[in-house]
Amino acid sequence: MSASTLDLPRVPRLPAASLRWTPLAPLSVALSHFAGRIAKTHAGMFRRLGIYGHARFVLDPTDLPVTMLLEPNGGAPRVHLSRGPQRGDARISGPLSGLLGLIHGTYDGDALFFSRDLMVEGDTAAVLALRNAIDDAELDLSAEAQVLSGRLAPQVRWVIETAEARTGVPLSRHEEVEHW
């Protein structure tokens, strides 16, 4: 039995399994391009990393058959996907929904760590710097993807909204509306 107190959604088996045969090099290039776009629009996020601007972060979504190595490179980020283990200064592992939920502000990072839904290994100070930089930037990955897609933005928005509704995985930032 898991020590988890949160019931995080998992990526459905079929999409997750498709990554077993999908070529990872083109996905790595696309994700590096996407990260570069984010670096241009959220340059402060990379400055906020400070001394950890060249740390290597392994993101390990436990419900996918891949790991991701994120190298911020002082604002010129690179992303490398692999089906095997990767080495970095720090590793963050857990369901993709937890990792994305941290980015989008859906889940509280402390709650995820203390419930063991996300595990951190290695340089925890680097992970804390990354978390603080991402929190401060208030990223919305789906909005970034829509901007990159140009005239296809409405179709991309529909795909993202449909996938989010069907899986429960937080693919975008949802601002809380305060009621008086």
N, C-alpha and C. Protein backbone atom coordinates (compact mmCIF):
# COMPACT_ATOMS: atom_id res chain seq x y z
N MET A 1 0.84 -1.18 0.00
CA MET A 1 0.00 0.00 0.00
C MET A 1 0.88 1.24 0.00
N SER A 2 0.50 2.25 -0.75
CA SER A 2 1.25 3.48 -0.87
C SER A 2 1.01 4.40 0.31
N ALA A 3 2.03 5.20 0.62
CA ALA A 3 1.90 6.19 1.68
C ALA A 3 1.23 7.45 1.15
N SER A 4 0.80 7.43 -0.09
CA SER A 4 0.22 8.59 -0.74
C SER A 4 -1.11 8.99 -0.11
N THR A 5 -1.30 10.29 0.06
CA THR A 5 -2.58 10.79 0.56
C THR A 5 -3.37 11.44 -0.56
N LEU A 6 -2.74 11.67 -1.70
CA LEU A 6 -3.42 12.26 -2.84
C LEU A 6 -3.70 11.16 -3.86
N ASP A 7 -4.81 11.29 -4.55
CA ASP A 7 -5.14 10.33 -5.59
C ASP A 7 -4.84 10.99 -6.93
N LEU A 8 -3.57 10.97 -7.33
CA LEU A 8 -3.15 11.63 -8.55
C LEU A 8 -3.56 10.81 -9.77
N PRO A 9 -4.08 11.49 -10.80
CA PRO A 9 -4.40 10.76 -12.03
C PRO A 9 -3.14 10.22 -12.68
N ARG A 10 -3.27 9.13 -13.40
CA ARG A 10 -2.16 8.52 -14.13
C ARG A 10 -2.44 8.65 -15.63
N VAL A 11 -1.36 8.72 -16.39
CA VAL A 11 -1.50 8.75 -17.84
C VAL A 11 -2.10 7.40 -18.26
N PRO A 12 -3.13 7.41 -19.10
CA PRO A 12 -3.72 6.14 -19.55
C PRO A 12 -2.68 5.25 -20.22
N ARG A 13 -2.90 3.96 -20.13
CA ARG A 13 -1.91 2.96 -20.59
C ARG A 13 -1.57 3.08 -22.07
N LEU A 14 -2.57 3.28 -22.93
CA LEU A 14 -2.30 3.31 -24.37
C LEU A 14 -1.38 4.47 -24.76
N PRO A 15 -1.68 5.71 -24.35
CA PRO A 15 -0.73 6.78 -24.70
C PRO A 15 0.65 6.56 -24.07
N ALA A 16 0.68 6.07 -22.85
CA ALA A 16 1.97 5.80 -22.20
C ALA A 16 2.73 4.73 -22.96
N ALA A 17 2.05 3.66 -23.36
CA ALA A 17 2.70 2.56 -24.08
C ALA A 17 3.22 3.01 -25.44
N SER A 18 2.55 3.99 -26.06
CA SER A 18 3.00 4.45 -27.38
C SER A 18 4.42 5.03 -27.31
N LEU A 19 4.84 5.50 -26.15
CA LEU A 19 6.19 6.04 -26.02
C LEU A 19 7.25 4.94 -26.03
N ARG A 20 6.84 3.69 -25.95
CA ARG A 20 7.80 2.59 -26.03
C ARG A 20 8.39 2.44 -27.44
N TRP A 21 7.65 2.86 -28.45
CA TRP A 21 8.13 2.71 -29.82
C TRP A 21 8.28 4.03 -30.56
N THR A 22 7.83 5.12 -29.98
CA THR A 22 7.97 6.43 -30.60
C THR A 22 9.44 6.86 -30.59
N PRO A 23 9.98 7.32 -31.73
CA PRO A 23 11.36 7.80 -31.74
C PRO A 23 11.51 8.99 -30.78
N LEU A 24 12.49 8.92 -29.89
CA LEU A 24 12.63 9.95 -28.87
C LEU A 24 13.46 11.15 -29.33
N ALA A 25 14.33 10.97 -30.31
CA ALA A 25 15.16 12.09 -30.76
C ALA A 25 14.32 13.27 -31.27
N PRO A 26 13.32 13.05 -32.13
CA PRO A 26 12.51 14.19 -32.58
C PRO A 26 11.72 14.83 -31.41
N LEU A 27 11.28 14.01 -30.48
CA LEU A 27 10.57 14.57 -29.32
C LEU A 27 11.52 15.40 -28.46
N SER A 28 12.75 14.96 -28.32
CA SER A 28 13.75 15.72 -27.56
C SER A 28 14.01 17.07 -28.22
N VAL A 29 14.12 17.07 -29.55
CA VAL A 29 14.34 18.33 -30.29
C VAL A 29 13.14 19.25 -30.10
N ALA A 30 11.93 18.69 -30.23
CA ALA A 30 10.72 19.51 -30.07
C ALA A 30 10.62 20.08 -28.65
N LEU A 31 10.91 19.25 -27.65
CA LEU A 31 10.85 19.73 -26.27
C LEU A 31 11.93 20.76 -25.98
N SER A 32 13.10 20.61 -26.59
CA SER A 32 14.16 21.61 -26.43
C SER A 32 13.73 22.94 -27.06
N HIS A 33 13.10 22.86 -28.23
CA HIS A 33 12.58 24.07 -28.88
C HIS A 33 11.51 24.73 -28.00
N PHE A 34 10.63 23.92 -27.45
CA PHE A 34 9.56 24.41 -26.57
C PHE A 34 10.17 25.07 -25.34
N ALA A 35 11.18 24.43 -24.74
CA ALA A 35 11.86 24.99 -23.57
C ALA A 35 12.56 26.30 -23.94
N GLY A 36 13.11 26.38 -25.15
CA GLY A 36 13.74 27.61 -25.61
C GLY A 36 12.75 28.74 -25.72
N ARG A 37 11.56 28.43 -26.18
CA ARG A 37 10.49 29.44 -26.26
C ARG A 37 10.14 29.94 -24.88
N ILE A 38 10.03 29.03 -23.94
CA ILE A 38 9.72 29.41 -22.56
C ILE A 38 10.85 30.27 -22.00
N ALA A 39 12.09 29.94 -22.34
CA ALA A 39 13.24 30.72 -21.87
C ALA A 39 13.18 32.15 -22.38
N LYS A 40 12.68 32.33 -23.60
CA LYS A 40 12.57 33.68 -24.16
C LYS A 40 11.45 34.47 -23.49
N THR A 41 10.32 33.83 -23.25
CA THR A 41 9.18 34.55 -22.69
C THR A 41 9.22 34.65 -21.17
N HIS A 42 10.03 33.80 -20.53
CA HIS A 42 10.14 33.79 -19.06
C HIS A 42 11.60 33.79 -18.65
N ALA A 43 12.37 34.73 -19.20
CA ALA A 43 13.81 34.76 -18.94
C ALA A 43 14.11 34.88 -17.44
N GLY A 44 13.27 35.55 -16.71
CA GLY A 44 13.48 35.71 -15.27
C GLY A 44 13.49 34.39 -14.54
N MET A 45 12.76 33.42 -15.05
CA MET A 45 12.73 32.10 -14.43
C MET A 45 14.13 31.49 -14.43
N PHE A 46 14.83 31.63 -15.52
CA PHE A 46 16.17 31.05 -15.61
C PHE A 46 17.18 31.85 -14.79
N ARG A 47 17.00 33.18 -14.72
CA ARG A 47 17.87 33.98 -13.86
C ARG A 47 17.66 33.62 -12.40
N ARG A 48 16.42 33.30 -12.05
CA ARG A 48 16.11 32.97 -10.66
C ARG A 48 16.78 31.67 -10.21
N LEU A 49 17.16 30.83 -11.13
CA LEU A 49 17.88 29.60 -10.76
C LEU A 49 19.23 29.90 -10.15
N GLY A 50 19.77 31.07 -10.43
CA GLY A 50 21.04 31.48 -9.84
C GLY A 50 22.15 30.49 -10.10
N ILE A 51 22.79 30.04 -9.03
CA ILE A 51 23.94 29.12 -9.17
C ILE A 51 23.52 27.75 -9.72
N TYR A 52 22.23 27.49 -9.79
CA TYR A 52 21.75 26.21 -10.31
C TYR A 52 21.32 26.31 -11.78
N GLY A 53 21.69 27.41 -12.43
CA GLY A 53 21.33 27.62 -13.84
C GLY A 53 21.97 26.64 -14.80
N HIS A 54 22.95 25.88 -14.32
CA HIS A 54 23.58 24.86 -15.15
C HIS A 54 23.46 23.47 -14.53
N ALA A 55 22.60 23.34 -13.54
CA ALA A 55 22.34 22.03 -12.94
C ALA A 55 21.60 21.16 -13.95
N ARG A 56 21.70 19.87 -13.76
CA ARG A 56 21.01 18.91 -14.64
C ARG A 56 19.92 18.23 -13.82
N PHE A 57 18.66 18.36 -14.29
CA PHE A 57 17.51 17.83 -13.57
C PHE A 57 16.93 16.65 -14.34
N VAL A 58 16.83 15.52 -13.67
CA VAL A 58 16.18 14.35 -14.26
C VAL A 58 14.75 14.34 -13.77
N LEU A 59 13.81 14.39 -14.71
CA LEU A 59 12.39 14.31 -14.40
C LEU A 59 11.93 12.92 -14.82
N ASP A 60 11.41 12.18 -13.86
CA ASP A 60 11.07 10.79 -14.09
C ASP A 60 9.59 10.56 -13.85
N PRO A 61 8.76 10.75 -14.89
CA PRO A 61 7.33 10.47 -14.73
C PRO A 61 7.13 8.95 -14.63
N THR A 62 6.74 8.49 -13.47
CA THR A 62 6.68 7.06 -13.19
C THR A 62 5.60 6.33 -13.97
N ASP A 63 4.67 7.06 -14.56
CA ASP A 63 3.62 6.42 -15.35
C ASP A 63 3.92 6.47 -16.85
N LEU A 64 5.15 6.85 -17.20
CA LEU A 64 5.59 6.85 -18.59
C LEU A 64 6.88 6.05 -18.71
N PRO A 65 7.14 5.44 -19.87
CA PRO A 65 8.36 4.65 -20.04
C PRO A 65 9.56 5.48 -20.49
N VAL A 66 9.60 6.75 -20.11
CA VAL A 66 10.71 7.63 -20.47
C VAL A 66 11.12 8.47 -19.27
N THR A 67 12.35 8.94 -19.32
CA THR A 67 12.82 9.96 -18.38
C THR A 67 13.25 11.16 -19.20
N MET A 68 13.26 12.32 -18.56
CA MET A 68 13.60 13.56 -19.22
C MET A 68 14.77 14.21 -18.48
N LEU A 69 15.79 14.59 -19.21
CA LEU A 69 16.90 15.34 -18.63
C LEU A 69 16.73 16.79 -19.06
N LEU A 70 16.54 17.67 -18.09
CA LEU A 70 16.39 19.10 -18.35
C LEU A 70 17.69 19.79 -17.95
N GLU A 71 18.30 20.44 -18.92
CA GLU A 71 19.51 21.21 -18.69
C GLU A 71 19.19 22.67 -18.98
N PRO A 72 19.03 23.50 -17.94
CA PRO A 72 18.67 24.91 -18.16
C PRO A 72 19.73 25.70 -18.92
N ASN A 73 21.01 25.33 -18.79
CA ASN A 73 22.11 25.96 -19.53
C ASN A 73 22.06 27.48 -19.46
N GLY A 74 21.75 28.02 -18.30
CA GLY A 74 21.76 29.46 -18.12
C GLY A 74 20.80 30.22 -19.01
N GLY A 75 19.71 29.59 -19.43
CA GLY A 75 18.71 30.25 -20.27
C GLY A 75 18.67 29.75 -21.70
N ALA A 76 19.51 28.79 -22.04
CA ALA A 76 19.49 28.14 -23.35
C ALA A 76 19.21 26.65 -23.12
N PRO A 77 17.99 26.33 -22.67
CA PRO A 77 17.70 24.98 -22.20
C PRO A 77 17.74 23.91 -23.28
N ARG A 78 18.07 22.71 -22.81
CA ARG A 78 18.02 21.51 -23.65
C ARG A 78 17.25 20.45 -22.89
N VAL A 79 16.55 19.62 -23.64
CA VAL A 79 15.79 18.51 -23.07
C VAL A 79 16.17 17.25 -23.83
N HIS A 80 16.43 16.20 -23.07
CA HIS A 80 16.79 14.92 -23.68
C HIS A 80 15.91 13.83 -23.07
N LEU A 81 15.16 13.14 -23.91
CA LEU A 81 14.34 12.01 -23.47
C LEU A 81 15.11 10.71 -23.64
N SER A 82 14.87 9.78 -22.72
CA SER A 82 15.52 8.48 -22.79
C SER A 82 14.59 7.42 -22.22
N ARG A 83 14.74 6.20 -22.71
CA ARG A 83 13.98 5.09 -22.14
C ARG A 83 14.74 4.45 -20.98
N GLY A 84 15.98 4.82 -20.81
CA GLY A 84 16.80 4.29 -19.73
C GLY A 84 17.03 5.35 -18.67
N PRO A 85 17.74 4.98 -17.62
CA PRO A 85 18.04 5.95 -16.58
C PRO A 85 18.97 7.04 -17.10
N GLN A 86 18.84 8.22 -16.53
CA GLN A 86 19.71 9.33 -16.88
C GLN A 86 20.35 9.86 -15.61
N ARG A 87 21.50 10.47 -15.78
CA ARG A 87 22.21 11.02 -14.63
C ARG A 87 22.09 12.54 -14.62
N GLY A 88 21.89 13.06 -13.43
CA GLY A 88 21.81 14.50 -13.27
C GLY A 88 22.19 14.88 -11.85
N ASP A 89 22.11 16.15 -11.56
CA ASP A 89 22.41 16.64 -10.22
C ASP A 89 21.26 16.33 -9.26
N ALA A 90 20.06 16.26 -9.81
CA ALA A 90 18.87 15.99 -8.99
C ALA A 90 17.86 15.21 -9.82
N ARG A 91 17.07 14.40 -9.14
CA ARG A 91 16.02 13.61 -9.79
C ARG A 91 14.71 13.87 -9.05
N ILE A 92 13.67 14.13 -9.85
CA ILE A 92 12.32 14.28 -9.31
C ILE A 92 11.48 13.22 -10.00
N SER A 93 10.88 12.33 -9.22
CA SER A 93 10.09 11.26 -9.82
C SER A 93 8.70 11.22 -9.19
N GLY A 94 7.75 10.83 -10.01
CA GLY A 94 6.36 10.70 -9.59
C GLY A 94 5.48 10.70 -10.81
N PRO A 95 4.18 10.54 -10.64
CA PRO A 95 3.28 10.54 -11.80
C PRO A 95 3.37 11.86 -12.57
N LEU A 96 3.18 11.79 -13.88
CA LEU A 96 3.23 12.98 -14.71
C LEU A 96 2.28 14.06 -14.20
N SER A 97 1.12 13.64 -13.70
CA SER A 97 0.15 14.64 -13.21
C SER A 97 0.72 15.43 -12.03
N GLY A 98 1.51 14.80 -11.20
CA GLY A 98 2.14 15.50 -10.08
C GLY A 98 3.19 16.48 -10.56
N LEU A 99 4.00 16.05 -11.53
CA LEU A 99 5.04 16.92 -12.07
C LEU A 99 4.42 18.13 -12.77
N LEU A 100 3.41 17.88 -13.60
CA LEU A 100 2.75 18.98 -14.29
C LEU A 100 1.92 19.83 -13.31
N GLY A 101 1.34 19.18 -12.30
CA GLY A 101 0.58 19.91 -11.29
C GLY A 101 1.43 20.90 -10.53
N LEU A 102 2.70 20.58 -10.32
CA LEU A 102 3.62 21.53 -9.70
C LEU A 102 3.83 22.74 -10.60
N ILE A 103 4.03 22.48 -11.88
CA ILE A 103 4.27 23.57 -12.84
C ILE A 103 3.06 24.49 -12.92
N HIS A 104 1.88 23.90 -12.98
CA HIS A 104 0.66 24.69 -13.17
C HIS A 104 0.02 25.18 -11.89
N GLY A 105 0.62 24.87 -10.76
CA GLY A 105 0.06 25.34 -9.49
C GLY A 105 -1.18 24.59 -9.06
N THR A 106 -1.44 23.45 -9.66
CA THR A 106 -2.61 22.64 -9.32
C THR A 106 -2.44 21.97 -7.96
N TYR A 107 -1.22 21.52 -7.69
CA TYR A 107 -0.93 20.81 -6.45
C TYR A 107 0.12 21.56 -5.65
N ASP A 108 0.03 21.44 -4.35
CA ASP A 108 1.01 22.01 -3.45
C ASP A 108 2.24 21.11 -3.42
N GLY A 109 3.40 21.68 -3.72
CA GLY A 109 4.63 20.90 -3.77
C GLY A 109 4.95 20.22 -2.46
N ASP A 110 4.78 20.93 -1.34
CA ASP A 110 5.07 20.32 -0.04
C ASP A 110 4.19 19.11 0.21
N ALA A 111 2.91 19.22 -0.13
CA ALA A 111 1.99 18.09 0.06
C ALA A 111 2.42 16.90 -0.79
N LEU A 112 2.84 17.15 -2.03
CA LEU A 112 3.28 16.06 -2.91
C LEU A 112 4.52 15.38 -2.37
N PHE A 113 5.46 16.17 -1.82
CA PHE A 113 6.70 15.59 -1.31
C PHE A 113 6.45 14.83 -0.02
N PHE A 114 5.67 15.42 0.88
CA PHE A 114 5.44 14.76 2.17
C PHE A 114 4.55 13.52 2.05
N SER A 115 3.68 13.50 1.04
CA SER A 115 2.84 12.32 0.82
C SER A 115 3.57 11.24 0.02
N ARG A 116 4.76 11.56 -0.42
CA ARG A 116 5.59 10.67 -1.24
C ARG A 116 5.03 10.43 -2.63
N ASP A 117 4.15 11.32 -3.07
CA ASP A 117 3.69 11.24 -4.45
C ASP A 117 4.80 11.65 -5.39
N LEU A 118 5.66 12.57 -4.93
CA LEU A 118 6.87 12.93 -5.66
C LEU A 118 8.06 12.66 -4.76
N MET A 119 9.09 12.10 -5.36
CA MET A 119 10.33 11.80 -4.64
C MET A 119 11.45 12.66 -5.22
N VAL A 120 12.31 13.14 -4.34
CA VAL A 120 13.45 13.95 -4.76
C VAL A 120 14.72 13.27 -4.30
N GLU A 121 15.68 13.17 -5.21
CA GLU A 121 16.99 12.61 -4.89
C GLU A 121 18.05 13.58 -5.39
N GLY A 122 19.19 13.56 -4.75
CA GLY A 122 20.30 14.39 -5.20
C GLY A 122 20.28 15.76 -4.54
N ASP A 123 20.63 16.77 -5.30
CA ASP A 123 20.79 18.13 -4.80
C ASP A 123 19.43 18.78 -4.55
N THR A 124 18.95 18.68 -3.33
CA THR A 124 17.63 19.22 -3.00
C THR A 124 17.60 20.74 -3.09
N ALA A 125 18.73 21.40 -2.88
CA ALA A 125 18.77 22.86 -3.02
C ALA A 125 18.52 23.26 -4.48
N ALA A 126 19.04 22.47 -5.42
CA ALA A 126 18.80 22.74 -6.84
C ALA A 126 17.32 22.55 -7.16
N VAL A 127 16.72 21.50 -6.60
CA VAL A 127 15.29 21.25 -6.83
C VAL A 127 14.45 22.39 -6.25
N LEU A 128 14.80 22.86 -5.08
CA LEU A 128 14.07 23.96 -4.47
C LEU A 128 14.21 25.22 -5.33
N ALA A 129 15.40 25.48 -5.86
CA ALA A 129 15.59 26.64 -6.73
C ALA A 129 14.72 26.51 -7.98
N LEU A 130 14.66 25.30 -8.56
CA LEU A 130 13.83 25.06 -9.75
C LEU A 130 12.36 25.28 -9.41
N ARG A 131 11.94 24.72 -8.31
CA ARG A 131 10.53 24.86 -7.89
C ARG A 131 10.18 26.34 -7.70
N ASN A 132 11.02 27.09 -7.01
CA ASN A 132 10.75 28.50 -6.77
C ASN A 132 10.73 29.30 -8.07
N ALA A 133 11.65 28.97 -8.98
CA ALA A 133 11.69 29.67 -10.27
C ALA A 133 10.42 29.40 -11.07
N ILE A 134 9.96 28.16 -11.07
CA ILE A 134 8.75 27.80 -11.81
C ILE A 134 7.52 28.43 -11.15
N ASP A 135 7.45 28.38 -9.83
CA ASP A 135 6.32 29.01 -9.12
C ASP A 135 6.22 30.49 -9.47
N ASP A 136 7.36 31.17 -9.46
CA ASP A 136 7.39 32.61 -9.71
C ASP A 136 6.97 32.93 -11.15
N ALA A 137 7.29 32.05 -12.09
CA ALA A 137 6.98 32.30 -13.51
C ALA A 137 5.51 32.08 -13.83
N GLU A 138 4.79 31.33 -12.99
CA GLU A 138 3.38 31.01 -13.24
C GLU A 138 3.16 30.50 -14.66
N LEU A 139 3.91 29.47 -15.01
CA LEU A 139 3.85 28.89 -16.35
C LEU A 139 2.50 28.26 -16.65
N ASP A 140 2.13 28.31 -17.91
CA ASP A 140 0.98 27.58 -18.43
C ASP A 140 1.47 26.93 -19.72
N LEU A 141 1.83 25.66 -19.62
CA LEU A 141 2.41 24.98 -20.77
C LEU A 141 1.45 24.89 -21.95
N SER A 142 0.17 24.76 -21.69
CA SER A 142 -0.78 24.68 -22.80
C SER A 142 -0.88 26.02 -23.52
N ALA A 143 -0.83 27.12 -22.79
CA ALA A 143 -0.86 28.44 -23.43
C ALA A 143 0.39 28.63 -24.29
N GLU A 144 1.53 28.18 -23.78
CA GLU A 144 2.78 28.27 -24.55
C GLU A 144 2.67 27.44 -25.83
N ALA A 145 2.10 26.24 -25.72
CA ALA A 145 1.95 25.38 -26.90
C ALA A 145 1.01 26.00 -27.92
N GLN A 146 -0.04 26.66 -27.45
CA GLN A 146 -0.98 27.30 -28.37
C GLN A 146 -0.32 28.44 -29.12
N VAL A 147 0.50 29.23 -28.44
CA VAL A 147 1.21 30.32 -29.11
C VAL A 147 2.13 29.76 -30.19
N LEU A 148 2.84 28.70 -29.87
CA LEU A 148 3.76 28.08 -30.84
C LEU A 148 3.02 27.50 -32.05
N SER A 149 1.77 27.11 -31.86
CA SER A 149 1.03 26.44 -32.94
C SER A 149 0.42 27.41 -33.94
N GLY A 150 0.53 28.71 -33.67
CA GLY A 150 0.04 29.70 -34.64
C GLY A 150 -1.43 29.56 -34.96
N ARG A 151 -1.73 29.42 -36.26
CA ARG A 151 -3.13 29.35 -36.70
C ARG A 151 -3.84 28.09 -36.21
N LEU A 152 -3.07 27.10 -35.78
CA LEU A 152 -3.68 25.86 -35.29
C LEU A 152 -4.01 25.94 -33.79
N ALA A 153 -3.84 27.10 -33.19
CA ALA A 153 -4.07 27.27 -31.75
C ALA A 153 -5.44 26.78 -31.30
N PRO A 154 -6.54 27.06 -32.02
CA PRO A 154 -7.84 26.55 -31.55
C PRO A 154 -7.89 25.01 -31.51
N GLN A 155 -7.29 24.37 -32.49
CA GLN A 155 -7.28 22.91 -32.51
C GLN A 155 -6.40 22.37 -31.39
N VAL A 156 -5.26 23.00 -31.18
CA VAL A 156 -4.37 22.58 -30.09
C VAL A 156 -5.06 22.75 -28.75
N ARG A 157 -5.76 23.87 -28.57
CA ARG A 157 -6.50 24.11 -27.32
C ARG A 157 -7.54 23.01 -27.11
N TRP A 158 -8.26 22.64 -28.18
CA TRP A 158 -9.28 21.60 -28.06
C TRP A 158 -8.66 20.27 -27.66
N VAL A 159 -7.54 19.90 -28.29
CA VAL A 159 -6.86 18.64 -27.96
C VAL A 159 -6.43 18.64 -26.50
N ILE A 160 -5.83 19.74 -26.06
CA ILE A 160 -5.35 19.84 -24.67
C ILE A 160 -6.52 19.76 -23.69
N GLU A 161 -7.57 20.53 -23.95
CA GLU A 161 -8.73 20.51 -23.06
C GLU A 161 -9.39 19.14 -23.01
N THR A 162 -9.49 18.47 -24.15
CA THR A 162 -10.08 17.13 -24.20
C THR A 162 -9.22 16.14 -23.43
N ALA A 163 -7.90 16.17 -23.67
CA ALA A 163 -7.00 15.25 -22.96
C ALA A 163 -7.04 15.51 -21.46
N GLU A 164 -7.06 16.76 -21.06
CA GLU A 164 -7.10 17.09 -19.64
C GLU A 164 -8.41 16.60 -19.01
N ALA A 165 -9.53 16.80 -19.70
CA ALA A 165 -10.83 16.37 -19.17
C ALA A 165 -10.92 14.85 -19.06
N ARG A 166 -10.36 14.14 -20.02
CA ARG A 166 -10.46 12.68 -20.03
C ARG A 166 -9.49 12.00 -19.07
N THR A 167 -8.33 12.62 -18.84
CA THR A 167 -7.31 11.97 -18.00
C THR A 167 -7.22 12.55 -16.60
N GLY A 168 -7.61 13.80 -16.43
CA GLY A 168 -7.44 14.46 -15.13
C GLY A 168 -6.04 14.99 -14.93
N VAL A 169 -5.14 14.78 -15.89
CA VAL A 169 -3.77 15.28 -15.81
C VAL A 169 -3.81 16.78 -16.08
N PRO A 170 -3.26 17.60 -15.15
CA PRO A 170 -3.32 19.06 -15.32
C PRO A 170 -2.38 19.55 -16.43
N LEU A 171 -2.93 19.79 -17.60
CA LEU A 171 -2.14 20.19 -18.75
C LEU A 171 -2.10 21.71 -18.92
N SER A 172 -2.81 22.44 -18.06
CA SER A 172 -2.83 23.90 -18.14
C SER A 172 -3.03 24.49 -16.75
N ARG A 173 -2.80 25.78 -16.67
CA ARG A 173 -2.98 26.51 -15.40
C ARG A 173 -4.43 26.97 -15.34
N HIS A 174 -5.06 26.71 -14.22
CA HIS A 174 -6.43 27.16 -13.99
C HIS A 174 -6.40 28.09 -12.80
N GLU A 175 -6.69 29.34 -13.06
CA GLU A 175 -6.66 30.34 -11.99
C GLU A 175 -7.89 30.16 -11.12
N GLU A 176 -7.65 30.23 -9.82
CA GLU A 176 -8.73 30.17 -8.86
C GLU A 176 -9.50 31.50 -8.91
N VAL A 177 -10.81 31.43 -8.94
CA VAL A 177 -11.63 32.62 -8.90
C VAL A 177 -12.08 32.81 -7.47
N GLU A 178 -11.77 33.98 -6.94
CA GLU A 178 -12.16 34.27 -5.57
C GLU A 178 -13.60 34.73 -5.52
N HIS A 179 -14.36 34.13 -4.66
CA HIS A 179 -15.76 34.51 -4.48
C HIS A 179 -15.90 35.27 -3.18
N TRP A 180 -16.62 36.37 -3.20
CA TRP A 180 -16.80 37.19 -1.99
C TRP A 180 -18.03 36.78 -1.27
